[in-house]
Amino acid sequence: MKKLLLLVLVCIVSKTIAQTTRLEDLCQVFHLPDGKDTTTFIIFGTKEDLQVKKPLFIFRQGSQPMPFIVLDSARYFLLAPFHFRDYKKDYHFVIIQKPGVQLIATQQFLDDYQKALTQPNPPEKFISKKYLANNYRERYVDQCDKVINYLVKQTWIDSRKVVFCGGSEGFTVGADLVGNHNKSVTHTILFSGKQGRRFEVLIQQMRERVTKKEMNPEEGQKEIEQLYSVWQDIHTYPEAIDKMYGDTYRAWYSFSQPTLPNLLKINIPLYIAYGTADEEMAPSLDMLPLEFIAAGKKNLTLKPYYDHDHQFFKLKRDSTGTVIAKEYNGDAVAKDWMEWLQKTSLK
């Protein structure tokens, strides 16, 4: 999984704002029948909150198989890139569990998990067979589609406003979901993704290693040609889950379909945010307005954050331009999303 880690959107733990000794005071857990399996999702808030009719906000996480509820020192915390509680009165916030990923983890499990992912073959308790078998775009799109279709029928959901928000891997899922499938979504927020293929990132990273003189051009070109061979093999076995290159072939094939065609199919208000220091994602997003203009589409709001990385950390540099520190700015980014939603809804 090591190569795939470079594509992950890290979730920030809010221990000061969303903490409780009882899980039911943090969120409500739902299990939706899904063929021979079930789809588990949570709604942030108490049972009493479900008696209040509010719009729906679906948040789709990035590519790690990470639990999003932490039990630490007898308290539950929610792993999220911004503070849901700040906007609790405005929305019902939903996060969908990935198949084969445990819902709740201890802090020790998460610490061990992060260490395990740096190893060539992480133990199955961190990367389960069920997760690998279900880790592909179409599966996640279907999950989101079914959860939204279920929730918009509930009396406590104001279906006049349904927001889908996804970052990194969730960017790709959201573009497909909203562009091709679910018509209940009224607003789309995507961030830290790209309009091309996920596999392209590996080639970009190799070129960057040559530029940074971590290897010579000949070595770099040899590695890139090897990547071309891997890509050919992936296309030969596009549904294989027993063949891997950091991730399963099925995941690579599924998530490496170009995202741009799906983005251009979205006709509702679309907000895309990214950090300009996100070397693998920013270049393609910088060019995205050209594609929307060429297609005659005017529903895109593009928000770059100068010198922010993939996870919206603001980079601090010395006089030579070397990064010496990072400061998380995700809450400010989310505030901008919420202000955009308010303005867009007023139109």
Protein backbone atom coordinates (compact mmCIF):
# COMPACT_ATOMS: atom_id res chain seq x y z
CA MET A 1 0.00 0.00 0.00
CA LYS A 2 3.00 2.32 0.24
CA LYS A 3 2.60 3.90 -3.19
CA LEU A 4 -1.08 4.55 -2.59
CA LEU A 5 -0.40 6.46 0.61
CA LEU A 6 0.77 9.42 -1.43
CA LEU A 7 -2.81 9.91 -2.66
CA VAL A 8 -4.48 9.93 0.74
CA LEU A 9 -6.40 12.80 2.27
CA VAL A 10 -5.64 12.70 5.98
CA CYS A 11 -8.46 13.29 8.43
CA ILE A 12 -7.87 15.56 11.37
CA VAL A 13 -9.06 14.46 14.81
CA SER A 14 -11.07 17.04 16.69
CA LYS A 15 -10.70 16.09 20.34
CA THR A 16 -11.67 19.43 21.79
CA ILE A 17 -14.97 19.99 20.00
CA ALA A 18 -16.54 16.58 19.30
CA GLN A 19 -15.93 14.25 22.23
CA THR A 20 -18.27 12.17 24.36
CA THR A 21 -18.24 9.15 26.64
CA ARG A 22 -21.27 7.68 24.86
CA LEU A 23 -21.28 6.88 21.16
CA GLU A 24 -24.98 7.74 20.84
CA ASP A 25 -24.20 11.28 21.96
CA LEU A 26 -21.72 11.65 19.10
CA CYS A 27 -23.54 10.02 16.21
CA GLN A 28 -26.29 7.65 15.16
CA VAL A 29 -25.25 4.42 13.39
CA PHE A 30 -27.35 3.04 10.51
CA HIS A 31 -27.06 -0.30 8.72
CA LEU A 32 -28.68 -0.33 5.28
CA PRO A 33 -29.28 -3.68 3.53
CA ASP A 34 -27.03 -3.90 0.48
CA GLY A 35 -27.51 -7.17 -1.39
CA LYS A 36 -25.90 -9.92 0.70
CA ASP A 37 -24.03 -7.27 2.68
CA THR A 38 -24.92 -4.09 4.54
CA THR A 39 -23.79 -0.50 4.16
CA THR A 40 -23.02 1.20 7.46
CA PHE A 41 -23.13 4.95 7.83
CA ILE A 42 -23.32 7.47 10.64
CA ILE A 43 -25.22 10.69 11.09
CA PHE A 44 -23.47 13.17 13.34
CA GLY A 45 -25.55 14.15 16.37
CA THR A 46 -27.98 12.66 18.87
CA LYS A 47 -31.31 10.87 18.41
CA GLU A 48 -33.02 14.14 19.24
CA ASP A 49 -31.24 15.76 16.28
CA LEU A 50 -33.01 13.33 13.96
CA GLN A 51 -36.30 14.91 14.96
CA VAL A 52 -35.22 18.19 13.37
CA LYS A 53 -35.72 18.56 9.63
CA LYS A 54 -32.49 19.74 8.01
CA PRO A 55 -30.71 19.52 4.65
CA LEU A 56 -28.37 16.60 3.99
CA PHE A 57 -24.57 16.82 3.78
CA ILE A 58 -22.81 13.64 2.62
CA PHE A 59 -19.06 13.61 3.27
CA ARG A 60 -16.95 11.07 1.36
CA GLN A 61 -13.49 10.41 2.78
CA GLY A 62 -10.19 9.82 0.97
CA SER A 63 -8.47 6.60 0.02
CA GLN A 64 -7.26 5.11 3.30
CA PRO A 65 -9.16 2.21 4.89
CA MET A 66 -9.28 4.13 8.15
CA PRO A 67 -11.97 3.99 10.83
CA PHE A 68 -13.56 7.38 11.37
CA ILE A 69 -14.56 6.99 15.00
CA VAL A 70 -11.85 6.82 17.68
CA LEU A 71 -12.23 5.51 21.22
CA ASP A 72 -9.50 7.00 23.38
CA SER A 73 -9.48 7.18 27.18
CA ALA A 74 -13.16 6.14 27.33
CA ARG A 75 -14.15 8.98 25.00
CA TYR A 76 -15.34 8.85 21.41
CA PHE A 77 -14.00 11.23 18.76
CA LEU A 78 -14.88 11.73 15.12
CA LEU A 79 -12.14 11.71 12.50
CA ALA A 80 -13.00 14.49 10.07
CA PRO A 81 -11.20 17.25 8.14
CA PHE A 82 -13.38 19.97 9.70
CA HIS A 83 -15.64 20.48 12.70
CA PHE A 84 -19.11 19.23 11.85
CA ARG A 85 -20.41 20.55 15.15
CA ASP A 86 -19.87 24.15 13.99
CA TYR A 87 -22.56 23.62 11.33
CA LYS A 88 -24.74 21.12 13.14
CA LYS A 89 -27.79 23.38 13.13
CA ASP A 90 -27.64 23.70 9.34
CA TYR A 91 -27.20 20.09 8.15
CA HIS A 92 -27.45 16.41 8.93
CA PHE A 93 -23.85 15.28 8.34
CA VAL A 94 -23.35 11.74 7.05
CA ILE A 95 -20.20 9.63 6.61
CA ILE A 96 -20.35 6.21 4.95
CA GLN A 97 -18.17 3.35 6.18
CA LYS A 98 -16.09 1.53 3.60
CA PRO A 99 -16.75 -2.23 3.38
CA GLY A 100 -14.21 -4.23 5.34
CA VAL A 101 -13.16 -1.30 7.53
CA GLN A 102 -14.03 -1.30 11.20
CA LEU A 103 -16.26 1.51 12.38
CA ILE A 104 -14.56 2.26 15.71
CA ALA A 105 -10.88 2.02 16.57
CA THR A 106 -8.74 2.75 19.58
CA GLN A 107 -6.01 5.35 19.37
CA GLN A 108 -3.48 2.53 19.71
CA PHE A 109 -4.98 0.80 16.68
CA LEU A 110 -4.65 3.98 14.63
CA ASP A 111 -1.05 4.48 15.72
CA ASP A 112 -0.22 0.88 14.78
CA TYR A 113 -2.16 1.28 11.54
CA GLN A 114 -0.11 4.27 10.41
CA LYS A 115 3.10 2.36 11.10
CA ALA A 116 1.81 -0.75 9.33
CA LEU A 117 1.01 1.14 6.12
CA THR A 118 4.71 1.97 5.68
CA GLN A 119 5.41 -1.76 5.36
CA PRO A 120 5.22 -3.70 2.05
CA ASN A 121 2.53 -6.10 3.31
CA PRO A 122 0.40 -4.65 6.12
CA PRO A 123 -1.38 -7.21 8.36
CA GLU A 124 -4.91 -8.12 7.36
CA LYS A 125 -6.36 -6.50 10.46
CA PHE A 126 -5.40 -3.16 8.89
CA ILE A 127 -6.04 -3.98 5.21
CA SER A 128 -8.73 -6.65 5.15
CA LYS A 129 -9.59 -8.93 2.23
CA LYS A 130 -13.11 -7.59 2.26
CA TYR A 131 -11.82 -4.04 1.92
CA LEU A 132 -9.58 -4.99 -1.02
CA ALA A 133 -12.46 -6.79 -2.75
CA ASN A 134 -14.73 -3.75 -2.42
CA ASN A 135 -12.21 -0.97 -2.97
CA TYR A 136 -13.21 0.39 -6.36
CA ARG A 137 -15.03 3.45 -7.64
CA GLU A 138 -18.25 1.79 -8.79
CA ARG A 139 -18.78 0.14 -5.40
CA TYR A 140 -18.40 3.41 -3.52
CA VAL A 141 -20.62 5.27 -5.97
CA ASP A 142 -23.32 2.64 -5.48
CA GLN A 143 -22.98 2.94 -1.69
CA CYS A 144 -23.39 6.71 -1.79
CA ASP A 145 -26.28 6.50 -4.24
CA LYS A 146 -28.23 4.07 -2.06
CA VAL A 147 -27.59 5.98 1.15
CA ILE A 148 -28.75 9.26 -0.39
CA ASN A 149 -31.83 7.62 -1.91
CA TYR A 150 -32.71 6.18 1.49
CA LEU A 151 -32.15 9.38 3.42
CA VAL A 152 -34.06 11.77 1.15
CA LYS A 153 -37.18 9.73 1.90
CA GLN A 154 -36.89 10.37 5.66
CA THR A 155 -39.17 12.97 7.18
CA TRP A 156 -36.27 14.65 9.00
CA ILE A 157 -34.31 15.31 5.80
CA ASP A 158 -35.03 18.47 3.84
CA SER A 159 -34.47 16.98 0.38
CA ARG A 160 -34.61 20.41 -1.25
CA LYS A 161 -30.91 20.71 -0.39
CA VAL A 162 -28.59 17.71 -0.64
CA VAL A 163 -24.85 18.36 -0.60
CA PHE A 164 -22.21 15.88 -1.68
CA CYS A 165 -18.70 16.66 -0.46
CA GLY A 166 -15.68 14.50 -1.30
CA GLY A 167 -11.92 14.88 -1.32
CA SER A 168 -9.04 13.02 -2.95
CA GLU A 169 -10.57 9.61 -3.70
CA GLY A 170 -13.92 11.13 -2.75
CA PHE A 171 -13.38 13.67 -5.56
CA THR A 172 -13.45 10.85 -8.12
CA VAL A 173 -16.41 9.13 -6.44
CA GLY A 174 -18.37 12.38 -6.31
CA ALA A 175 -17.76 13.28 -9.95
CA ASP A 176 -19.13 9.91 -11.05
CA LEU A 177 -22.01 9.86 -8.57
CA VAL A 178 -23.32 13.34 -9.36
CA GLY A 179 -22.42 13.34 -13.05
CA ASN A 180 -24.00 9.99 -13.89
CA HIS A 181 -26.24 8.66 -11.14
CA ASN A 182 -27.88 10.57 -8.31
CA LYS A 183 -30.26 13.37 -9.22
CA SER A 184 -31.19 14.23 -5.63
CA VAL A 185 -27.87 16.03 -5.05
CA THR A 186 -28.33 19.81 -5.40
CA HIS A 187 -24.81 21.05 -4.57
CA THR A 188 -21.40 19.43 -5.08
CA ILE A 189 -18.16 20.23 -3.25
CA LEU A 190 -15.02 18.43 -4.41
CA PHE A 191 -11.44 19.00 -3.33
CA SER A 192 -7.87 17.78 -3.71
CA GLY A 193 -8.53 15.65 -6.77
CA LYS A 194 -7.56 15.71 -10.43
CA GLN A 195 -9.30 15.71 -13.78
CA GLY A 196 -7.12 12.95 -15.20
CA ARG A 197 -6.16 9.42 -14.18
CA ARG A 198 -5.01 8.45 -10.68
CA PHE A 199 -2.20 6.35 -12.16
CA GLU A 200 -0.71 9.49 -13.70
CA VAL A 201 0.37 10.54 -10.21
CA LEU A 202 2.97 7.76 -10.06
CA ILE A 203 4.59 9.02 -13.27
CA GLN A 204 4.51 12.62 -12.04
CA GLN A 205 6.19 11.57 -8.80
CA MET A 206 8.95 9.81 -10.70
CA ARG A 207 9.64 12.91 -12.79
CA GLU A 208 9.75 14.98 -9.61
CA ARG A 209 12.35 12.63 -8.13
CA VAL A 210 14.54 13.24 -11.15
CA THR A 211 14.02 17.01 -10.91
CA LYS A 212 15.01 16.91 -7.25
CA LYS A 213 18.07 14.86 -8.22
CA GLU A 214 16.97 11.90 -6.11
CA MET A 215 17.80 9.76 -9.17
CA ASN A 216 19.38 10.42 -12.53
CA PRO A 217 17.30 10.83 -15.72
CA GLU A 218 18.17 7.37 -17.02
CA GLU A 219 17.01 5.71 -13.79
CA GLY A 220 13.86 7.80 -13.77
CA GLN A 221 12.99 6.93 -17.36
CA LYS A 222 13.51 3.24 -16.65
CA GLU A 223 11.10 3.44 -13.73
CA ILE A 224 8.53 5.27 -15.85
CA GLU A 225 8.74 2.66 -18.58
CA GLN A 226 8.16 0.04 -15.89
CA LEU A 227 5.03 1.96 -14.87
CA TYR A 228 3.82 1.81 -18.47
CA SER A 229 4.22 -1.98 -18.33
CA VAL A 230 2.27 -2.13 -15.07
CA TRP A 231 -0.50 -0.03 -16.62
CA GLN A 232 -0.65 -2.44 -19.56
CA ASP A 233 -0.94 -5.36 -17.14
CA ILE A 234 -3.70 -3.56 -15.23
CA HIS A 235 -5.65 -3.21 -18.47
CA THR A 236 -5.14 -6.89 -19.16
CA TYR A 237 -6.60 -7.79 -15.75
CA PRO A 238 -8.85 -4.81 -14.87
CA GLU A 239 -10.93 -6.65 -12.25
CA ALA A 240 -8.12 -8.53 -10.52
CA ILE A 241 -7.94 -8.20 -6.75
CA ASP A 242 -5.20 -10.80 -6.37
CA LYS A 243 -2.77 -8.80 -8.53
CA MET A 244 -1.44 -5.66 -6.86
CA TYR A 245 0.82 -2.69 -7.41
CA GLY A 246 0.50 -0.91 -4.09
CA ASP A 247 -3.26 -1.34 -4.53
CA THR A 248 -5.30 -3.96 -6.38
CA TYR A 249 -5.44 -3.82 -10.15
CA ARG A 250 -9.19 -3.38 -9.88
CA ALA A 251 -8.76 -0.26 -7.74
CA TRP A 252 -6.14 1.21 -10.06
CA TYR A 253 -8.26 0.57 -13.15
CA SER A 254 -11.45 1.88 -11.57
CA PHE A 255 -10.00 5.05 -10.04
CA SER A 256 -7.79 5.77 -13.05
CA GLN A 257 -10.60 6.50 -15.48
CA PRO A 258 -10.42 10.21 -16.44
CA THR A 259 -12.55 12.35 -14.14
CA LEU A 260 -13.07 15.29 -16.50
CA PRO A 261 -15.93 13.75 -18.54
CA ASN A 262 -17.90 13.16 -15.34
CA LEU A 263 -17.18 16.65 -14.04
CA LEU A 264 -18.54 18.14 -17.25
CA LYS A 265 -21.76 16.16 -16.84
CA ILE A 266 -22.50 17.90 -13.53
CA ASN A 267 -25.09 20.63 -14.08
CA ILE A 268 -25.76 21.69 -10.49
CA PRO A 269 -23.56 24.22 -8.61
CA LEU A 270 -20.05 22.78 -8.35
CA TYR A 271 -17.35 24.04 -5.98
CA ILE A 272 -13.81 22.71 -6.29
CA ALA A 273 -11.04 23.58 -3.83
CA TYR A 274 -7.36 22.64 -3.85
CA GLY A 275 -3.96 23.66 -2.58
CA THR A 276 -1.55 25.09 -5.15
CA ALA A 277 1.30 23.18 -3.46
CA ASP A 278 -0.46 19.88 -4.12
CA GLU A 279 2.03 18.93 -6.82
CA GLU A 280 0.14 15.97 -8.23
CA MET A 281 -3.34 17.51 -8.26
CA ALA A 282 -2.99 21.28 -8.66
CA PRO A 283 -1.72 21.42 -12.26
CA SER A 284 -4.78 19.67 -13.68
CA LEU A 285 -7.17 21.72 -11.53
CA ASP A 286 -5.49 24.96 -12.59
CA MET A 287 -6.57 24.09 -16.14
CA LEU A 288 -10.10 23.01 -15.27
CA PRO A 289 -11.75 26.38 -16.10
CA LEU A 290 -10.44 26.06 -19.66
CA GLU A 291 -12.44 22.84 -20.06
CA PHE A 292 -15.60 24.30 -18.55
CA ILE A 293 -15.36 27.42 -20.72
CA ALA A 294 -14.78 25.31 -23.84
CA ALA A 295 -17.86 23.25 -22.96
CA GLY A 296 -19.95 26.38 -22.39
CA LYS A 297 -20.57 25.50 -18.75
CA LYS A 298 -20.87 28.17 -16.04
CA ASN A 299 -21.62 26.14 -12.90
CA LEU A 300 -18.01 25.87 -11.65
CA THR A 301 -16.58 27.79 -8.71
CA LEU A 302 -12.85 27.07 -8.41
CA LYS A 303 -11.02 28.00 -5.20
CA PRO A 304 -7.22 27.59 -5.06
CA TYR A 305 -5.39 28.03 -1.74
CA TYR A 306 -1.93 29.38 -2.35
CA ASP A 307 0.92 27.26 -0.96
CA HIS A 308 -1.42 24.77 0.70
CA ASP A 309 -0.80 21.06 0.27
CA HIS A 310 -3.11 18.12 -0.53
CA GLN A 311 -4.52 18.16 3.00
CA PHE A 312 -4.87 21.96 3.23
CA PHE A 313 -1.86 22.51 5.42
CA LYS A 314 -0.43 26.00 4.82
CA LEU A 315 3.27 25.63 4.15
CA LYS A 316 5.74 27.85 5.96
CA ARG A 317 9.02 28.38 4.15
CA ASP A 318 12.38 29.89 4.91
CA SER A 319 14.17 32.46 2.73
CA THR A 320 15.32 29.70 0.34
CA GLY A 321 11.79 28.39 -0.18
CA THR A 322 12.35 25.25 1.86
CA VAL A 323 9.31 24.09 3.84
CA ILE A 324 10.11 24.40 7.55
CA ALA A 325 6.64 23.96 9.06
CA LYS A 326 2.98 23.31 8.24
CA GLU A 327 -0.17 24.78 9.74
CA TYR A 328 -3.54 23.10 9.24
CA ASN A 329 -6.08 25.37 7.59
CA GLY A 330 -8.89 22.92 6.86
CA ASP A 331 -11.45 24.62 9.08
CA ALA A 332 -11.04 27.89 7.16
CA VAL A 333 -11.39 25.99 3.91
CA ALA A 334 -14.61 24.38 5.16
CA LYS A 335 -15.90 27.79 6.25
CA ASP A 336 -15.51 28.94 2.66
CA TRP A 337 -17.53 25.92 1.49
CA MET A 338 -20.32 26.77 3.88
CA GLU A 339 -20.42 30.40 2.86
CA TRP A 340 -20.58 29.33 -0.80
CA LEU A 341 -23.46 26.98 0.00
CA GLN A 342 -25.35 29.77 1.72
CA LYS A 343 -24.84 32.23 -1.15
CA THR A 344 -25.66 29.64 -3.80
CA SER A 345 -28.84 28.59 -2.02
CA LEU A 346 -30.04 32.19 -1.92
CA LYS A 347 -29.92 32.51 -5.72
